[in-house]
Amino acid sequence: EFHNDKTINGKYRTNIITSRKKLKVKRANARQWIRKHMHDPL
């Protein structure tokens, strides 16, 4: 995700972060993987 943002000095910069949609997908995938492998040796 590209956002308009400012530095601590008040200058313009782009803020580029993980897309909210993608982060949600990555979390879901991680949860499913952990659930599937929860009985594996730690």
All heavy atoms as atom14 arrays in JSON, in Angstrom:
{
  "sequence": "EFHNDKTINGKYRTNIITSRKKLKVKRANARQWIRKHMHDPL",
  "atom14_mask": [
    [1, 1, 1, 1, 1, 1, 1, 1, 1, 0, 0, 0, 0, 0],
    [1, 1, 1, 1, 1, 1, 1, 1, 1, 1, 1, 0, 0, 0],
    [1, 1, 1, 1, 1, 1, 1, 1, 1, 1, 0, 0, 0, 0],
    [1, 1, 1, 1, 1, 1, 1, 1, 0, 0, 0, 0, 0, 0],
    [1, 1, 1, 1, 1, 1, 1, 1, 0, 0, 0, 0, 0, 0],
    [1, 1, 1, 1, 1, 1, 1, 1, 1, 0, 0, 0, 0, 0],
    [1, 1, 1, 1, 1, 1, 1, 0, 0, 0, 0, 0, 0, 0],
    [1, 1, 1, 1, 1, 1, 1, 1, 0, 0, 0, 0, 0, 0],
    [1, 1, 1, 1, 1, 1, 1, 1, 0, 0, 0, 0, 0, 0],
    [1, 1, 1, 1, 0, 0, 0, 0, 0, 0, 0, 0, 0, 0],
    [1, 1, 1, 1, 1, 1, 1, 1, 1, 0, 0, 0, 0, 0],
    [1, 1, 1, 1, 1, 1, 1, 1, 1, 1, 1, 1, 0, 0],
    [1, 1, 1, 1, 1, 1, 1, 1, 1, 1, 1, 0, 0, 0],
    [1, 1, 1, 1, 1, 1, 1, 0, 0, 0, 0, 0, 0, 0],
    [1, 1, 1, 1, 1, 1, 1, 1, 0, 0, 0, 0, 0, 0],
    [1, 1, 1, 1, 1, 1, 1, 1, 0, 0, 0, 0, 0, 0],
    [1, 1, 1, 1, 1, 1, 1, 1, 0, 0, 0, 0, 0, 0],
    [1, 1, 1, 1, 1, 1, 1, 0, 0, 0, 0, 0, 0, 0],
    [1, 1, 1, 1, 1, 1, 0, 0, 0, 0, 0, 0, 0, 0],
    [1, 1, 1, 1, 1, 1, 1, 1, 1, 1, 1, 0, 0, 0],
    [1, 1, 1, 1, 1, 1, 1, 1, 1, 0, 0, 0, 0, 0],
    [1, 1, 1, 1, 1, 1, 1, 1, 1, 0, 0, 0, 0, 0],
    [1, 1, 1, 1, 1, 1, 1, 1, 0, 0, 0, 0, 0, 0],
    [1, 1, 1, 1, 1, 1, 1, 1, 1, 0, 0, 0, 0, 0],
    [1, 1, 1, 1, 1, 1, 1, 0, 0, 0, 0, 0, 0, 0],
    [1, 1, 1, 1, 1, 1, 1, 1, 1, 0, 0, 0, 0, 0],
    [1, 1, 1, 1, 1, 1, 1, 1, 1, 1, 1, 0, 0, 0],
    [1, 1, 1, 1, 1, 0, 0, 0, 0, 0, 0, 0, 0, 0],
    [1, 1, 1, 1, 1, 1, 1, 1, 0, 0, 0, 0, 0, 0],
    [1, 1, 1, 1, 1, 0, 0, 0, 0, 0, 0, 0, 0, 0],
    [1, 1, 1, 1, 1, 1, 1, 1, 1, 1, 1, 0, 0, 0],
    [1, 1, 1, 1, 1, 1, 1, 1, 1, 0, 0, 0, 0, 0],
    [1, 1, 1, 1, 1, 1, 1, 1, 1, 1, 1, 1, 1, 1],
    [1, 1, 1, 1, 1, 1, 1, 1, 0, 0, 0, 0, 0, 0],
    [1, 1, 1, 1, 1, 1, 1, 1, 1, 1, 1, 0, 0, 0],
    [1, 1, 1, 1, 1, 1, 1, 1, 1, 0, 0, 0, 0, 0],
    [1, 1, 1, 1, 1, 1, 1, 1, 1, 1, 0, 0, 0, 0],
    [1, 1, 1, 1, 1, 1, 1, 1, 0, 0, 0, 0, 0, 0],
    [1, 1, 1, 1, 1, 1, 1, 1, 1, 1, 0, 0, 0, 0],
    [1, 1, 1, 1, 1, 1, 1, 1, 0, 0, 0, 0, 0, 0],
    [1, 1, 1, 1, 1, 1, 1, 0, 0, 0, 0, 0, 0, 0],
    [1, 1, 1, 1, 1, 1, 1, 1, 0, 0, 0, 0, 0, 0]
  ],
  "atom14_positions": [
    [[0.83, -1.19, 0.0], [0.0, 0.0, 0.0], [0.87, 1.24, 0.0], [1.78, 1.37, 0.82], [-0.91, 0.04, 1.23], [-2.19, -0.7, 1.12], [-3.05, -0.59, 2.36], [-2.68, 0.16, 3.29], [-4.07, -1.28, 2.4], [0.0, 0.0, 0.0], [0.0, 0.0, 0.0], [0.0, 0.0, 0.0], [0.0, 0.0, 0.0], [0.0, 0.0, 0.0]],
    [[0.6, 2.16, -0.9], [1.31, 3.44, -0.97], [0.46, 4.52, -0.31], [-0.69, 4.75, -0.71], [1.6, 3.83, -2.42], [2.7, 3.04, -3.06], [2.52, 1.71, -3.41], [3.93, 3.62, -3.33], [3.53, 0.98, -4.01], [4.96, 2.9, -3.93], [4.75, 1.57, -4.26], [0.0, 0.0, 0.0], [0.0, 0.0, 0.0], [0.0, 0.0, 0.0]],
    [[1.02, 5.21, 0.7], [0.35, 6.28, 1.4], [1.17, 7.57, 1.31], [2.4, 7.52, 1.24], [0.16, 5.95, 2.89], [-0.71, 4.76, 3.14], [-2.03, 4.88, 3.57], [-0.47, 3.43, 3.04], [-2.53, 3.66, 3.72], [-1.62, 2.77, 3.41], [0.0, 0.0, 0.0], [0.0, 0.0, 0.0], [0.0, 0.0, 0.0], [0.0, 0.0, 0.0]],
    [[0.49, 8.7, 1.34], [1.17, 9.97, 1.54], [1.5, 10.14, 3.02], [0.66, 9.89, 3.88], [0.28, 11.14, 1.08], [0.02, 11.11, -0.42], [0.93, 11.31, -1.23], [-1.23, 10.86, -0.8], [0.0, 0.0, 0.0], [0.0, 0.0, 0.0], [0.0, 0.0, 0.0], [0.0, 0.0, 0.0], [0.0, 0.0, 0.0], [0.0, 0.0, 0.0]],
    [[2.72, 10.56, 3.31], [3.15, 10.65, 4.69], [4.19, 11.76, 4.83], [4.58, 12.41, 3.85], [3.73, 9.31, 5.14], [3.74, 9.13, 6.65], [3.24, 10.03, 7.36], [4.25, 8.09, 7.12], [0.0, 0.0, 0.0], [0.0, 0.0, 0.0], [0.0, 0.0, 0.0], [0.0, 0.0, 0.0], [0.0, 0.0, 0.0], [0.0, 0.0, 0.0]],
    [[4.65, 11.98, 6.06], [5.69, 12.97, 6.36], [6.75, 12.36, 7.26], [6.47, 11.46, 8.04], [5.09, 14.21, 7.03], [4.21, 15.05, 6.11], [3.7, 16.28, 6.83], [2.84, 17.13, 5.89], [2.34, 18.36, 6.57], [0.0, 0.0, 0.0], [0.0, 0.0, 0.0], [0.0, 0.0, 0.0], [0.0, 0.0, 0.0], [0.0, 0.0, 0.0]],
    [[7.97, 12.86, 7.13], [9.05, 12.44, 8.02], [8.9, 13.14, 9.37], [8.04, 14.03, 9.55], [10.41, 12.78, 7.41], [10.58, 14.22, 7.4], [10.54, 12.24, 6.0], [0.0, 0.0, 0.0], [0.0, 0.0, 0.0], [0.0, 0.0, 0.0], [0.0, 0.0, 0.0], [0.0, 0.0, 0.0], [0.0, 0.0, 0.0], [0.0, 0.0, 0.0]],
    [[9.75, 12.78, 10.31], [9.71, 13.44, 11.63], [10.07, 14.91, 11.51], [9.79, 15.71, 12.41], [10.65, 12.73, 12.62], [12.08, 12.69, 12.09], [10.15, 11.33, 12.92], [13.08, 12.12, 13.08], [0.0, 0.0, 0.0], [0.0, 0.0, 0.0], [0.0, 0.0, 0.0], [0.0, 0.0, 0.0], [0.0, 0.0, 0.0], [0.0, 0.0, 0.0]],
    [[10.71, 15.3, 10.4], [11.08, 16.69, 10.16], [10.01, 17.45, 9.4], [10.2, 18.62, 9.06], [12.4, 16.77, 9.4], [13.56, 16.2, 10.18], [13.61, 16.32, 11.4], [14.5, 15.56, 9.5], [0.0, 0.0, 0.0], [0.0, 0.0, 0.0], [0.0, 0.0, 0.0], [0.0, 0.0, 0.0], [0.0, 0.0, 0.0], [0.0, 0.0, 0.0]],
    [[8.88, 16.79, 9.12], [7.79, 17.47, 8.43], [7.89, 17.46, 6.92], [7.07, 18.09, 6.24], [0.0, 0.0, 0.0], [0.0, 0.0, 0.0], [0.0, 0.0, 0.0], [0.0, 0.0, 0.0], [0.0, 0.0, 0.0], [0.0, 0.0, 0.0], [0.0, 0.0, 0.0], [0.0, 0.0, 0.0], [0.0, 0.0, 0.0], [0.0, 0.0, 0.0]],
    [[8.87, 16.75, 6.36], [9.03, 16.68, 4.91], [8.18, 15.55, 4.34], [7.96, 14.53, 4.99], [10.49, 16.48, 4.53], [11.39, 17.64, 4.91], [12.83, 17.39, 4.46], [13.73, 18.56, 4.79], [15.14, 18.32, 4.36], [0.0, 0.0, 0.0], [0.0, 0.0, 0.0], [0.0, 0.0, 0.0], [0.0, 0.0, 0.0], [0.0, 0.0, 0.0]],
    [[7.73, 15.74, 3.09], [6.9, 14.72, 2.45], [7.69, 13.45, 2.17], [8.89, 13.5, 1.83], [6.32, 15.25, 1.12], [5.54, 14.19, 0.37], [4.21, 13.96, 0.64], [6.16, 13.38, -0.59], [3.49, 12.98, -0.03], [5.46, 12.39, -1.25], [4.12, 12.19, -0.97], [3.42, 11.2, -1.62], [0.0, 0.0, 0.0], [0.0, 0.0, 0.0]],
    [[7.02, 12.32, 2.29], [7.57, 11.04, 1.86], [6.42, 10.09, 1.59], [5.32, 10.26, 2.11], [8.5, 10.45, 2.9], [7.81, 9.87, 4.11], [8.62, 8.81, 4.79], [7.82, 8.01, 5.68], [8.22, 6.94, 6.33], [9.42, 6.54, 6.19], [7.43, 6.25, 7.1], [0.0, 0.0, 0.0], [0.0, 0.0, 0.0], [0.0, 0.0, 0.0]],
    [[6.66, 9.09, 0.79], [5.69, 8.01, 0.61], [5.89, 6.98, 1.71], [7.03, 6.66, 2.06], [5.86, 7.34, -0.76], [7.24, 6.98, -0.95], [5.42, 8.25, -1.88], [0.0, 0.0, 0.0], [0.0, 0.0, 0.0], [0.0, 0.0, 0.0], [0.0, 0.0, 0.0], [0.0, 0.0, 0.0], [0.0, 0.0, 0.0], [0.0, 0.0, 0.0]],
    [[4.81, 6.5, 2.23], [4.85, 5.43, 3.22], [4.34, 4.16, 2.55], [3.19, 4.09, 2.13], [3.98, 5.78, 4.43], [4.12, 4.76, 5.55], [5.13, 4.08, 5.66], [3.1, 4.65, 6.39], [0.0, 0.0, 0.0], [0.0, 0.0, 0.0], [0.0, 0.0, 0.0], [0.0, 0.0, 0.0], [0.0, 0.0, 0.0], [0.0, 0.0, 0.0]],
    [[5.21, 3.18, 2.41], [4.88, 1.96, 1.7], [4.83, 0.81, 2.69], [5.85, 0.43, 3.27], [5.91, 1.67, 0.58], [6.1, 2.91, -0.3], [5.48, 0.47, -0.25], [7.25, 2.8, -1.27], [0.0, 0.0, 0.0], [0.0, 0.0, 0.0], [0.0, 0.0, 0.0], [0.0, 0.0, 0.0], [0.0, 0.0, 0.0], [0.0, 0.0, 0.0]],
    [[3.64, 0.25, 2.89], [3.46, -0.79, 3.89], [2.78, -2.01, 3.26], [2.29, -1.95, 2.13], [2.61, -0.28, 5.08], [1.2, 0.1, 4.6], [3.29, 0.9, 5.75], [0.26, 0.49, 5.73], [0.0, 0.0, 0.0], [0.0, 0.0, 0.0], [0.0, 0.0, 0.0], [0.0, 0.0, 0.0], [0.0, 0.0, 0.0], [0.0, 0.0, 0.0]],
    [[2.76, -3.09, 3.99], [2.06, -4.28, 3.53], [0.59, -3.97, 3.33], [-0.05, -3.38, 4.2], [2.2, -5.44, 4.54], [3.56, -5.64, 4.85], [1.61, -6.73, 3.97], [0.0, 0.0, 0.0], [0.0, 0.0, 0.0], [0.0, 0.0, 0.0], [0.0, 0.0, 0.0], [0.0, 0.0, 0.0], [0.0, 0.0, 0.0], [0.0, 0.0, 0.0]],
    [[0.05, -4.36, 2.19], [-1.36, -4.16, 1.92], [-2.22, -4.83, 3.0], [-1.93, -5.97, 3.41], [-1.71, -4.74, 0.55], [-3.07, -4.99, 0.41], [0.0, 0.0, 0.0], [0.0, 0.0, 0.0], [0.0, 0.0, 0.0], [0.0, 0.0, 0.0], [0.0, 0.0, 0.0], [0.0, 0.0, 0.0], [0.0, 0.0, 0.0], [0.0, 0.0, 0.0]],
    [[-3.23, -4.15, 3.47], [-4.11, -4.7, 4.5], [-4.73, -6.01, 4.03], [-4.88, -6.97, 4.79], [-5.2, -3.7, 4.86], [-4.68, -2.49, 5.64], [-5.84, -1.59, 6.05], [-5.4, -0.46, 6.87], [-5.0, 0.66, 6.43], [-5.0, 0.83, 5.15], [-4.59, 1.65, 7.21], [0.0, 0.0, 0.0], [0.0, 0.0, 0.0], [0.0, 0.0, 0.0]],
    [[-5.11, -6.03, 2.76], [-5.71, -7.23, 2.18], [-4.71, -8.4, 2.19], [-5.05, -9.52, 2.58], [-6.16, -6.94, 0.74], [-6.8, -8.12, 0.04], [-7.21, -7.73, -1.37], [-7.79, -8.92, -2.12], [-8.17, -8.55, -3.52], [0.0, 0.0, 0.0], [0.0, 0.0, 0.0], [0.0, 0.0, 0.0], [0.0, 0.0, 0.0], [0.0, 0.0, 0.0]],
    [[-3.47, -8.12, 1.79], [-2.45, -9.16, 1.77], [-2.07, -9.62, 3.17], [-1.81, -10.8, 3.4], [-1.2, -8.66, 1.03], [-1.36, -8.57, -0.47], [-1.55, -9.94, -1.09], [-1.68, -9.86, -2.6], [-1.88, -11.2, -3.2], [0.0, 0.0, 0.0], [0.0, 0.0, 0.0], [0.0, 0.0, 0.0], [0.0, 0.0, 0.0], [0.0, 0.0, 0.0]],
    [[-2.0, -8.66, 4.1], [-1.67, -9.01, 5.48], [-2.73, -9.94, 6.06], [-2.41, -10.9, 6.78], [-1.54, -7.75, 6.33], [-1.05, -7.94, 7.77], [0.32, -8.63, 7.79], [-0.97, -6.6, 8.5], [0.0, 0.0, 0.0], [0.0, 0.0, 0.0], [0.0, 0.0, 0.0], [0.0, 0.0, 0.0], [0.0, 0.0, 0.0], [0.0, 0.0, 0.0]],
    [[-3.98, -9.68, 5.75], [-5.07, -10.54, 6.2], [-4.92, -11.95, 5.64], [-5.1, -12.95, 6.36], [-6.41, -9.94, 5.78], [-7.62, -10.7, 6.29], [-8.91, -10.02, 5.86], [-10.13, -10.8, 6.36], [-11.4, -10.14, 5.91], [0.0, 0.0, 0.0], [0.0, 0.0, 0.0], [0.0, 0.0, 0.0], [0.0, 0.0, 0.0], [0.0, 0.0, 0.0]],
    [[-4.56, -12.04, 4.36], [-4.35, -13.34, 3.71], [-3.17, -14.08, 4.33], [-3.25, -15.27, 4.61], [-4.12, -13.16, 2.19], [-3.67, -14.48, 1.55], [-5.37, -12.64, 1.51], [0.0, 0.0, 0.0], [0.0, 0.0, 0.0], [0.0, 0.0, 0.0], [0.0, 0.0, 0.0], [0.0, 0.0, 0.0], [0.0, 0.0, 0.0], [0.0, 0.0, 0.0]],
    [[-2.08, -13.36, 4.56], [-0.88, -13.97, 5.15], [-1.16, -14.49, 6.56], [-0.67, -15.55, 6.95], [0.26, -12.95, 5.18], [0.81, -12.58, 3.8], [1.48, -13.76, 3.15], [2.07, -13.38, 1.8], [2.77, -14.54, 1.17], [0.0, 0.0, 0.0], [0.0, 0.0, 0.0], [0.0, 0.0, 0.0], [0.0, 0.0, 0.0], [0.0, 0.0, 0.0]],
    [[-1.92, -13.74, 7.32], [-2.3, -14.19, 8.67], [-3.15, -15.46, 8.6], [-2.92, -16.41, 9.36], [-3.07, -13.08, 9.39], [-2.2, -11.94, 9.9], [-3.06, -10.91, 10.59], [-2.27, -9.91, 11.29], [-2.78, -8.92, 12.01], [-4.09, -8.83, 12.15], [-1.99, -8.06, 12.62], [0.0, 0.0, 0.0], [0.0, 0.0, 0.0], [0.0, 0.0, 0.0]],
    [[-4.11, -15.48, 7.69], [-4.98, -16.64, 7.54], [-4.17, -17.87, 7.12], [-4.39, -18.97, 7.64], [-6.07, -16.35, 6.51], [0.0, 0.0, 0.0], [0.0, 0.0, 0.0], [0.0, 0.0, 0.0], [0.0, 0.0, 0.0], [0.0, 0.0, 0.0], [0.0, 0.0, 0.0], [0.0, 0.0, 0.0], [0.0, 0.0, 0.0], [0.0, 0.0, 0.0]],
    [[-3.25, -17.68, 6.19], [-2.39, -18.78, 5.75], [-1.53, -19.32, 6.88], [-1.35, -20.54, 7.02], [-1.51, -18.34, 4.58], [-2.3, -18.09, 3.32], [-3.43, -18.56, 3.17], [-1.71, -17.35, 2.39], [0.0, 0.0, 0.0], [0.0, 0.0, 0.0], [0.0, 0.0, 0.0], [0.0, 0.0, 0.0], [0.0, 0.0, 0.0], [0.0, 0.0, 0.0]],
    [[-0.97, -18.4, 7.69], [-0.14, -18.8, 8.82], [-0.96, -19.59, 9.84], [-0.51, -20.61, 10.38], [0.49, -17.57, 9.48], [0.0, 0.0, 0.0], [0.0, 0.0, 0.0], [0.0, 0.0, 0.0], [0.0, 0.0, 0.0], [0.0, 0.0, 0.0], [0.0, 0.0, 0.0], [0.0, 0.0, 0.0], [0.0, 0.0, 0.0], [0.0, 0.0, 0.0]],
    [[-2.16, -19.11, 10.11], [-3.04, -19.78, 11.07], [-3.39, -21.2, 10.59], [-3.36, -22.15, 11.37], [-4.32, -18.96, 11.26], [-5.27, -19.55, 12.32], [-6.45, -18.63, 12.57], [-7.29, -18.46, 11.39], [-7.38, -17.36, 10.67], [-6.67, -16.28, 10.99], [-8.17, -17.29, 9.62], [0.0, 0.0, 0.0], [0.0, 0.0, 0.0], [0.0, 0.0, 0.0]],
    [[-3.72, -21.33, 9.32], [-4.06, -22.64, 8.76], [-2.87, -23.59, 8.8], [-3.01, -24.77, 9.1], [-4.56, -22.48, 7.32], [-5.91, -21.8, 7.21], [-6.28, -21.45, 5.78], [-5.61, -21.86, 4.84], [-7.35, -20.69, 5.61], [0.0, 0.0, 0.0], [0.0, 0.0, 0.0], [0.0, 0.0, 0.0], [0.0, 0.0, 0.0], [0.0, 0.0, 0.0]],
    [[-1.67, -23.05, 8.51], [-0.48, -23.88, 8.52], [-0.17, -24.38, 9.94], [0.14, -25.55, 10.13], [0.71, -23.09, 7.97], [1.94, -23.95, 7.79], [2.32, -24.64, 6.68], [2.95, -24.21, 8.78], [3.49, -25.31, 6.9], [3.91, -25.08, 8.19], [3.16, -23.81, 10.1], [5.04, -25.53, 8.87], [4.27, -24.27, 10.79], [5.19, -25.12, 10.17]],
    [[-0.25, -23.49, 10.91], [0.01, -23.86, 12.31], [-0.98, -24.91, 12.77], [-0.61, -25.89, 13.42], [-0.03, -22.62, 13.21], [1.18, -21.71, 12.93], [-0.05, -23.02, 14.69], [1.11, -20.36, 13.62], [0.0, 0.0, 0.0], [0.0, 0.0, 0.0], [0.0, 0.0, 0.0], [0.0, 0.0, 0.0], [0.0, 0.0, 0.0], [0.0, 0.0, 0.0]],
    [[-2.23, -24.71, 12.43], [-3.27, -25.68, 12.82], [-2.98, -27.05, 12.23], [-3.15, -28.08, 12.89], [-4.63, -25.18, 12.37], [-5.79, -26.06, 12.83], [-7.12, -25.44, 12.42], [-8.23, -26.28, 12.86], [-9.5, -25.98, 12.63], [-9.82, -24.86, 11.99], [-10.46, -26.8, 13.07], [0.0, 0.0, 0.0], [0.0, 0.0, 0.0], [0.0, 0.0, 0.0]],
    [[-2.54, -27.09, 10.98], [-2.25, -28.34, 10.29], [-1.05, -29.06, 10.89], [-1.01, -30.29, 10.95], [-2.02, -28.07, 8.8], [-1.76, -29.31, 7.97], [-1.55, -28.94, 6.51], [-1.24, -30.18, 5.67], [-1.01, -29.81, 4.24], [0.0, 0.0, 0.0], [0.0, 0.0, 0.0], [0.0, 0.0, 0.0], [0.0, 0.0, 0.0], [0.0, 0.0, 0.0]],
    [[-0.05, -28.27, 11.37], [1.2, -28.87, 11.84], [1.36, -28.81, 13.36], [2.44, -29.03, 13.88], [2.38, -28.15, 11.18], [2.46, -28.35, 9.71], [3.11, -29.43, 9.13], [1.95, -27.64, 8.68], [3.02, -29.34, 7.8], [2.31, -28.27, 7.5], [0.0, 0.0, 0.0], [0.0, 0.0, 0.0], [0.0, 0.0, 0.0], [0.0, 0.0, 0.0]],
    [[0.28, -28.53, 14.07], [0.38, -28.32, 15.52], [0.86, -29.56, 16.29], [1.36, -29.43, 17.41], [-0.99, -27.88, 16.06], [-2.1, -28.88, 15.87], [-3.7, -28.33, 16.47], [-3.51, -28.5, 18.22], [0.0, 0.0, 0.0], [0.0, 0.0, 0.0], [0.0, 0.0, 0.0], [0.0, 0.0, 0.0], [0.0, 0.0, 0.0], [0.0, 0.0, 0.0]],
    [[0.72, -30.74, 15.7], [1.15, -31.96, 16.38], [2.56, -32.41, 15.99], [3.04, -33.43, 16.49], [0.15, -33.08, 16.11], [-1.21, -32.82, 16.69], [-1.47, -32.81, 18.04], [-2.39, -32.53, 16.07], [-2.75, -32.53, 18.25], [-3.33, -32.37, 17.07], [0.0, 0.0, 0.0], [0.0, 0.0, 0.0], [0.0, 0.0, 0.0], [0.0, 0.0, 0.0]],
    [[3.22, -31.63, 15.14], [4.62, -31.92, 14.8], [5.5, -31.68, 16.02], [5.15, -30.88, 16.91], [5.1, -31.04, 13.65], [4.39, -31.34, 12.33], [3.6, -32.31, 12.29], [4.61, -30.6, 11.36], [0.0, 0.0, 0.0], [0.0, 0.0, 0.0], [0.0, 0.0, 0.0], [0.0, 0.0, 0.0], [0.0, 0.0, 0.0], [0.0, 0.0, 0.0]],
    [[6.66, -32.35, 16.1], [7.61, -32.04, 17.19], [7.92, -30.54, 17.2], [8.1, -29.93, 16.14], [8.84, -32.87, 16.82], [8.31, -34.0, 16.01], [7.14, -33.44, 15.24], [0.0, 0.0, 0.0], [0.0, 0.0, 0.0], [0.0, 0.0, 0.0], [0.0, 0.0, 0.0], [0.0, 0.0, 0.0], [0.0, 0.0, 0.0], [0.0, 0.0, 0.0]],
    [[8.0, -29.97, 18.39], [8.08, -28.52, 18.54], [9.27, -27.92, 17.78], [9.13, -26.9, 17.1], [8.15, -28.14, 20.02], [8.11, -26.64, 20.33], [6.87, -26.0, 19.72], [8.15, -26.42, 21.85], [0.0, 0.0, 0.0], [0.0, 0.0, 0.0], [0.0, 0.0, 0.0], [0.0, 0.0, 0.0], [0.0, 0.0, 0.0], [0.0, 0.0, 0.0]]
  ]
}
